[in-house]
Amino acid sequence: MMVVFTHANWTPENRMHPIFPFLINMAVPIFMVVTGINWCGAIERKHFLNSPMQFEELYALPDILKKIVRLTVPFLVIFAWEVILNIQHGNVLTFSENIRGLYTGGWGQGSYYYPVMMQLVFFFPVLYLIMRNKPERGLVLCFLFNLLYEITVQMYQVNIESYRLFIFRYTFLIACGIYFGFQKNMIFSTPLYKQLRWCLPAVIVGFLYLYVTTYTAYREKIFQYWTSTSMLVAFWCVPLLFGFIILIEHIRFQIPILPILGKASYHIFFVQMLYYQYYYKDILQFFAEQSVLLMALLSVLICTAAGVAFYFLLTPVERYLSRFCVQVVDKLRQRWPDE
């Protein structure tokens, strides 16, 4: 929902308020950390630690197909809707332009989301294996890989349009989520004062990075693209997220709607792409351009409600297509078994 909130028509002055760099802008980094936690948890629930999965098992075709279907079905629906709206608005694109829109994630705010998540389907098993045996060492390796990637991007002057479409800029954030997935039992059982020994230094580093890059004249040399959501913000957002999770676990507080919002997060994100690209201006005019805060909150309500409805509408289709794809693969294997 913070992603929806931040895409409203805030002025540059609005975005200088501390709530943006220190909270609202953390939406995508936190989402990537949570993705690491959830995907790691899914593997751990399926294969216990005493019988760890092998490399080829992590690329089991049925599991890969289910993830691809879950991501692709809602994206294709939104993409088709975008093409129709482009035609209605007189913005008729050529066939090659539409194909380019297809593989670059469509149009609108956050259109990088689909290609990035599709890459993660195939990249995640590699990160999981790197982190599995020695999570601390794996975390360091992922940090160094992410840093090397960012340096390479600047050395070879990779353009921002290409940079935004690659999953590698989120390597360290996802690895932080995997680390929590492996170490959550230890973290929950560790006294709070011991947790502060590593949380506090990380928070200070993250705070200083965000403060310096937001409120001073300093300009980053390495993290020039999406500076406020680069890998270094992990030092700020990860301890805050972990602290929130630990707090919820300790007080046993349950928010009934959160599981639904979590399951519908993909669909909400796709809906907000469509909303901001094609409907937001009309809604602003309809409400005579009320305060940006009111319009942002209204946008959160509209996109969340529509996204949840979209999730419930498409889930049966996604499940059917997943089963169908798996059955087709099984039949092909039976017909042409491996020699």
Protein backbone atom coordinates (compact mmCIF):
# COMPACT_ATOMS: atom_id res chain seq x y z
CA MET A 1 0.00 0.00 0.00
CA MET A 2 2.97 2.33 0.56
CA VAL A 3 3.83 1.82 -3.12
CA VAL A 4 0.39 3.15 -4.08
CA PHE A 5 0.79 6.05 -1.64
CA THR A 6 4.18 7.15 -2.97
CA HIS A 7 3.04 7.20 -6.63
CA ALA A 8 0.53 10.00 -6.00
CA ASN A 9 1.33 13.46 -7.39
CA TRP A 10 3.41 14.64 -4.47
CA THR A 11 5.50 17.74 -5.09
CA PRO A 12 9.29 17.66 -4.65
CA GLU A 13 8.79 19.70 -1.49
CA ASN A 14 6.33 17.11 -0.15
CA ARG A 15 8.84 14.34 -0.82
CA MET A 16 11.44 16.07 1.34
CA HIS A 17 9.33 15.42 4.44
CA PRO A 18 11.09 12.76 6.56
CA ILE A 19 8.15 10.35 6.22
CA PHE A 20 9.11 9.79 2.56
CA PRO A 21 12.83 8.89 2.68
CA PHE A 22 12.57 7.06 6.01
CA LEU A 23 9.26 5.23 5.57
CA ILE A 24 7.22 5.61 2.37
CA ASN A 25 10.18 5.12 0.02
CA MET A 26 11.01 1.89 1.83
CA ALA A 27 7.99 0.17 0.26
CA VAL A 28 9.81 -1.68 -2.52
CA PRO A 29 12.93 -2.55 -0.44
CA ILE A 30 10.70 -3.96 2.31
CA PHE A 31 8.69 -5.87 -0.29
CA MET A 32 11.88 -7.50 -1.58
CA VAL A 33 12.96 -8.47 1.94
CA VAL A 34 9.50 -9.94 2.64
CA THR A 35 9.67 -11.83 -0.68
CA GLY A 36 12.95 -13.39 0.48
CA ILE A 37 11.33 -14.40 3.78
CA ASN A 38 8.23 -15.87 2.17
CA TRP A 39 9.94 -17.75 -0.65
CA CYS A 40 12.53 -19.16 1.74
CA GLY A 41 9.74 -20.21 4.12
CA ALA A 42 7.89 -21.94 1.29
CA ILE A 43 10.97 -24.05 0.51
CA GLU A 44 11.59 -24.82 4.18
CA ARG A 45 8.00 -25.94 4.73
CA LYS A 46 8.22 -28.27 1.77
CA HIS A 47 11.65 -29.68 2.57
CA PHE A 48 12.80 -29.67 6.17
CA LEU A 49 16.35 -28.65 7.04
CA ASN A 50 17.30 -32.26 7.83
CA SER A 51 16.69 -33.13 4.19
CA PRO A 52 17.77 -30.00 2.28
CA MET A 53 16.81 -29.61 -1.35
CA GLN A 54 19.39 -30.17 -4.04
CA PHE A 55 20.02 -27.75 -6.90
CA GLU A 56 17.85 -29.60 -9.41
CA GLU A 57 14.99 -29.90 -6.90
CA LEU A 58 14.89 -26.13 -6.49
CA TYR A 59 14.26 -25.93 -10.22
CA ALA A 60 11.51 -28.55 -10.19
CA LEU A 61 9.35 -27.73 -13.20
CA PRO A 62 5.97 -27.90 -11.39
CA ASP A 63 7.13 -25.35 -8.79
CA ILE A 64 8.63 -23.06 -11.42
CA LEU A 65 5.48 -23.26 -13.54
CA LYS A 66 3.25 -22.36 -10.60
CA LYS A 67 5.27 -19.21 -9.90
CA ILE A 68 5.32 -18.24 -13.57
CA VAL A 69 1.57 -18.71 -13.91
CA ARG A 70 0.87 -16.76 -10.73
CA LEU A 71 2.88 -13.81 -12.02
CA THR A 72 1.96 -14.00 -15.70
CA VAL A 73 -1.83 -14.36 -15.58
CA PRO A 74 -2.56 -11.07 -13.76
CA PHE A 75 0.15 -9.29 -15.75
CA LEU A 76 -1.30 -10.40 -19.11
CA VAL A 77 -4.78 -9.28 -18.06
CA ILE A 78 -3.46 -5.83 -17.06
CA PHE A 79 -1.27 -5.62 -20.17
CA ALA A 80 -4.21 -6.43 -22.47
CA TRP A 81 -6.27 -3.79 -20.65
CA GLU A 82 -3.46 -1.26 -21.19
CA VAL A 83 -3.31 -2.02 -24.92
CA ILE A 84 -7.08 -1.50 -25.23
CA LEU A 85 -6.91 1.78 -23.29
CA ASN A 86 -4.02 2.97 -25.47
CA ILE A 87 -6.18 2.41 -28.55
CA GLN A 88 -9.17 4.15 -26.95
CA HIS A 89 -7.02 7.17 -26.06
CA GLY A 90 -5.68 7.39 -29.63
CA ASN A 91 -2.23 6.17 -28.64
CA VAL A 92 -2.07 3.35 -31.17
CA LEU A 93 1.29 1.62 -30.85
CA THR A 94 2.99 -0.48 -33.50
CA PHE A 95 3.31 -4.23 -33.13
CA SER A 96 6.99 -3.94 -32.18
CA GLU A 97 6.19 -1.25 -29.58
CA ASN A 98 3.57 -3.50 -28.01
CA ILE A 99 6.01 -6.41 -27.96
CA ARG A 100 8.58 -4.19 -26.28
CA GLY A 101 5.94 -3.16 -23.75
CA LEU A 102 5.22 -6.83 -23.13
CA TYR A 103 8.77 -7.83 -22.20
CA THR A 104 9.51 -4.59 -20.30
CA GLY A 105 6.48 -4.96 -18.05
CA GLY A 106 3.87 -2.77 -19.73
CA TRP A 107 3.39 0.89 -18.90
CA GLY A 108 2.81 2.94 -15.79
CA GLN A 109 4.32 3.29 -12.33
CA GLY A 110 6.42 0.27 -11.39
CA SER A 111 6.22 -1.43 -14.79
CA TYR A 112 9.61 -3.04 -14.05
CA TYR A 113 7.84 -5.30 -11.57
CA TYR A 114 6.88 -8.20 -13.85
CA PRO A 115 10.25 -8.71 -15.60
CA VAL A 116 12.09 -8.34 -12.27
CA MET A 117 9.90 -10.91 -10.52
CA MET A 118 10.13 -13.33 -13.44
CA GLN A 119 13.91 -13.18 -13.19
CA LEU A 120 13.63 -13.81 -9.45
CA VAL A 121 11.82 -17.10 -10.13
CA PHE A 122 15.08 -18.40 -11.64
CA PHE A 123 17.54 -16.36 -9.55
CA PHE A 124 16.08 -17.16 -6.14
CA PRO A 125 17.24 -20.83 -5.95
CA VAL A 126 20.82 -19.63 -6.48
CA LEU A 127 20.52 -17.14 -3.60
CA TYR A 128 18.89 -19.80 -1.44
CA LEU A 129 21.77 -22.24 -1.96
CA ILE A 130 24.37 -19.52 -1.32
CA MET A 131 22.67 -18.67 1.98
CA ARG A 132 21.70 -22.16 3.15
CA ASN A 133 24.78 -23.65 4.76
CA LYS A 134 26.41 -20.51 6.20
CA PRO A 135 23.88 -17.65 6.19
CA GLU A 136 26.33 -15.02 7.49
CA ARG A 137 28.91 -15.80 4.83
CA GLY A 138 26.17 -15.94 2.19
CA LEU A 139 24.92 -12.53 3.27
CA VAL A 140 28.41 -11.06 2.83
CA LEU A 141 28.76 -12.69 -0.61
CA CYS A 142 25.39 -11.29 -1.71
CA PHE A 143 26.38 -7.84 -0.46
CA LEU A 144 29.64 -7.97 -2.43
CA PHE A 145 27.88 -9.26 -5.57
CA ASN A 146 25.28 -6.47 -5.36
CA LEU A 147 28.01 -3.87 -4.83
CA LEU A 148 30.04 -5.21 -7.76
CA TYR A 149 26.92 -5.08 -9.94
CA GLU A 150 26.31 -1.42 -9.04
CA ILE A 151 29.95 -0.53 -9.74
CA THR A 152 29.79 -2.33 -13.09
CA VAL A 153 26.60 -0.46 -14.03
CA GLN A 154 28.36 2.88 -13.51
CA MET A 155 31.66 1.80 -15.11
CA TYR A 156 29.92 0.74 -18.32
CA GLN A 157 27.30 3.50 -18.15
CA VAL A 158 24.33 1.17 -18.33
CA ASN A 159 21.28 3.31 -19.05
CA ILE A 160 18.60 3.65 -16.41
CA GLU A 161 15.92 1.96 -18.53
CA SER A 162 17.99 -1.22 -18.70
CA TYR A 163 19.09 -0.99 -15.06
CA ARG A 164 15.51 -0.88 -13.76
CA LEU A 165 14.64 -4.17 -15.45
CA PHE A 166 17.25 -6.37 -13.73
CA ILE A 167 16.73 -8.20 -10.45
CA PHE A 168 20.39 -7.94 -9.42
CA ARG A 169 19.96 -4.51 -7.81
CA TYR A 170 17.79 -6.20 -5.16
CA THR A 171 20.19 -9.10 -4.42
CA PHE A 172 21.23 -7.95 -0.95
CA LEU A 173 17.68 -7.05 0.14
CA ILE A 174 16.36 -10.47 -0.91
CA ALA A 175 19.33 -12.15 0.81
CA CYS A 176 18.43 -10.30 4.03
CA GLY A 177 14.96 -11.84 3.80
CA ILE A 178 16.42 -15.31 3.26
CA TYR A 179 18.72 -14.79 6.24
CA PHE A 180 15.74 -13.99 8.43
CA GLY A 181 13.93 -17.03 7.03
CA PHE A 182 16.80 -19.27 8.14
CA GLN A 183 17.52 -17.55 11.45
CA LYS A 184 14.04 -16.57 12.65
CA ASN A 185 13.95 -19.16 15.47
CA MET A 186 17.28 -17.94 16.78
CA ILE A 187 16.25 -14.29 16.40
CA PHE A 188 12.97 -14.79 18.27
CA SER A 189 14.75 -16.59 21.11
CA THR A 190 17.55 -14.01 21.46
CA PRO A 191 17.08 -11.43 24.25
CA LEU A 192 16.24 -7.94 23.03
CA TYR A 193 19.44 -6.35 24.35
CA LYS A 194 21.54 -8.79 22.29
CA GLN A 195 19.53 -8.05 19.16
CA LEU A 196 20.20 -4.34 19.65
CA ARG A 197 23.94 -4.99 19.40
CA TRP A 198 23.62 -5.53 15.66
CA CYS A 199 20.38 -3.63 14.98
CA LEU A 200 21.52 -0.31 16.40
CA PRO A 201 24.74 0.05 14.34
CA ALA A 202 22.85 -0.98 11.19
CA VAL A 203 20.08 1.56 11.84
CA ILE A 204 22.65 4.31 12.39
CA VAL A 205 24.43 3.49 9.12
CA GLY A 206 21.13 3.36 7.22
CA PHE A 207 19.88 6.60 8.78
CA LEU A 208 23.10 8.45 7.93
CA TYR A 209 23.01 7.17 4.33
CA LEU A 210 19.40 8.31 3.81
CA TYR A 211 19.96 11.63 5.55
CA VAL A 212 23.14 12.50 3.63
CA THR A 213 21.76 11.49 0.21
CA THR A 214 18.42 13.26 0.82
CA TYR A 215 19.21 16.44 2.73
CA THR A 216 22.77 17.37 1.75
CA ALA A 217 24.50 18.32 -1.49
CA TYR A 218 26.32 14.98 -1.59
CA ARG A 219 25.71 13.01 -4.78
CA GLU A 220 26.29 9.29 -4.90
CA LYS A 221 29.01 8.01 -7.24
CA ILE A 222 28.04 4.33 -7.16
CA PHE A 223 24.30 4.27 -6.38
CA GLN A 224 23.28 6.95 -8.86
CA TYR A 225 20.06 5.20 -9.91
CA TRP A 226 17.28 4.94 -7.32
CA THR A 227 19.65 6.18 -4.64
CA SER A 228 16.95 6.25 -1.95
CA THR A 229 16.09 2.57 -2.47
CA SER A 230 19.55 1.15 -3.17
CA MET A 231 21.04 -1.86 -1.41
CA LEU A 232 22.39 0.34 1.41
CA VAL A 233 18.88 1.17 2.64
CA ALA A 234 18.82 -2.43 3.91
CA PHE A 235 20.74 -1.17 6.94
CA TRP A 236 17.74 1.04 7.75
CA CYS A 237 14.66 -0.87 6.62
CA VAL A 238 15.67 -4.44 7.54
CA PRO A 239 16.10 -3.80 11.32
CA LEU A 240 12.83 -1.85 11.33
CA LEU A 241 11.01 -4.66 9.55
CA PHE A 242 12.53 -7.34 11.78
CA GLY A 243 11.64 -5.28 14.85
CA PHE A 244 8.05 -4.98 13.66
CA ILE A 245 7.82 -8.74 13.01
CA ILE A 246 9.34 -9.55 16.42
CA LEU A 247 6.93 -7.13 18.11
CA ILE A 248 3.93 -8.73 16.40
CA GLU A 249 5.17 -12.19 17.40
CA HIS A 250 5.73 -11.21 21.04
CA ILE A 251 2.36 -9.52 21.58
CA ARG A 252 0.54 -12.13 19.47
CA PHE A 253 -1.37 -9.36 17.75
CA GLN A 254 -3.30 -10.46 14.70
CA ILE A 255 -4.61 -8.20 11.94
CA PRO A 256 -7.13 -10.36 10.04
CA ILE A 257 -6.82 -8.53 6.72
CA LEU A 258 -3.01 -8.71 6.52
CA PRO A 259 -2.83 -12.31 5.20
CA ILE A 260 -5.28 -11.40 2.42
CA LEU A 261 -3.32 -8.28 1.50
CA GLY A 262 -0.13 -10.33 1.47
CA LYS A 263 -1.61 -12.91 -0.91
CA ALA A 264 -3.05 -10.17 -3.13
CA SER A 265 0.12 -8.04 -3.17
CA TYR A 266 1.03 -8.97 -6.77
CA HIS A 267 -2.45 -8.11 -7.97
CA ILE A 268 -2.55 -4.83 -6.05
CA PHE A 269 0.75 -3.81 -7.62
CA PHE A 270 -0.47 -4.58 -11.14
CA VAL A 271 -3.72 -2.69 -10.52
CA GLN A 272 -1.88 0.43 -9.33
CA MET A 273 0.16 0.40 -12.56
CA LEU A 274 -3.05 0.60 -14.56
CA TYR A 275 -4.64 3.09 -12.17
CA TYR A 276 -1.88 5.69 -12.21
CA GLN A 277 -1.25 5.42 -15.94
CA TYR A 278 -4.84 5.72 -17.15
CA TYR A 279 -7.30 6.68 -14.39
CA TYR A 280 -5.56 8.86 -11.81
CA LYS A 281 -5.80 12.14 -13.75
CA ASP A 282 -9.52 11.63 -14.35
CA ILE A 283 -10.10 10.98 -10.66
CA LEU A 284 -8.13 14.12 -9.77
CA GLN A 285 -10.35 16.16 -12.08
CA PHE A 286 -13.52 14.53 -10.75
CA PHE A 287 -12.63 15.49 -7.20
CA ALA A 288 -11.53 18.97 -8.33
CA GLU A 289 -7.96 18.21 -7.26
CA GLN A 290 -8.45 17.94 -3.54
CA SER A 291 -5.43 17.84 -1.24
CA VAL A 292 -2.74 15.46 -2.41
CA LEU A 293 -2.92 13.60 0.91
CA LEU A 294 -6.64 12.96 0.46
CA MET A 295 -6.11 11.80 -3.12
CA ALA A 296 -3.24 9.54 -2.07
CA LEU A 297 -5.37 7.90 0.63
CA LEU A 298 -8.24 7.53 -1.84
CA SER A 299 -5.83 5.94 -4.34
CA VAL A 300 -4.66 3.46 -1.68
CA LEU A 301 -8.29 2.53 -0.98
CA ILE A 302 -9.20 2.16 -4.67
CA CYS A 303 -6.10 0.15 -5.66
CA THR A 304 -6.23 -2.09 -2.60
CA ALA A 305 -9.94 -2.88 -3.01
CA ALA A 306 -9.60 -3.42 -6.76
CA GLY A 307 -6.43 -5.47 -6.30
CA VAL A 308 -8.02 -7.77 -3.71
CA ALA A 309 -11.08 -8.23 -5.96
CA PHE A 310 -8.72 -8.92 -8.88
CA TYR A 311 -6.93 -11.53 -6.74
CA PHE A 312 -10.14 -13.38 -5.84
CA LEU A 313 -11.33 -13.21 -9.44
CA LEU A 314 -8.12 -14.60 -10.96
CA THR A 315 -7.06 -17.11 -8.30
CA PRO A 316 -9.30 -19.94 -9.66
CA VAL A 317 -7.96 -19.28 -13.17
CA GLU A 318 -4.35 -19.30 -11.94
CA ARG A 319 -4.88 -22.56 -10.04
CA TYR A 320 -6.52 -24.20 -13.03
CA LEU A 321 -3.76 -23.11 -15.41
CA SER A 322 -1.08 -24.25 -12.94
CA ARG A 323 -2.63 -27.72 -12.70
CA PHE A 324 -3.09 -27.83 -16.47
CA CYS A 325 0.56 -26.90 -17.15
CA VAL A 326 1.82 -29.49 -14.66
CA GLN A 327 -0.41 -32.18 -16.19
CA VAL A 328 0.85 -31.34 -19.68
CA VAL A 329 4.46 -31.60 -18.49
CA ASP A 330 3.75 -34.94 -16.77
CA LYS A 331 2.15 -36.34 -19.94
CA LEU A 332 5.09 -35.19 -22.05
CA ARG A 333 7.48 -36.86 -19.60
CA GLN A 334 5.49 -40.10 -19.78
CA ARG A 335 5.52 -39.96 -23.55
CA TRP A 336 9.20 -39.06 -23.83
CA PRO A 337 10.83 -40.34 -20.62
CA ASP A 338 14.42 -39.40 -19.86
CA GLU A 339 16.82 -41.96 -21.13
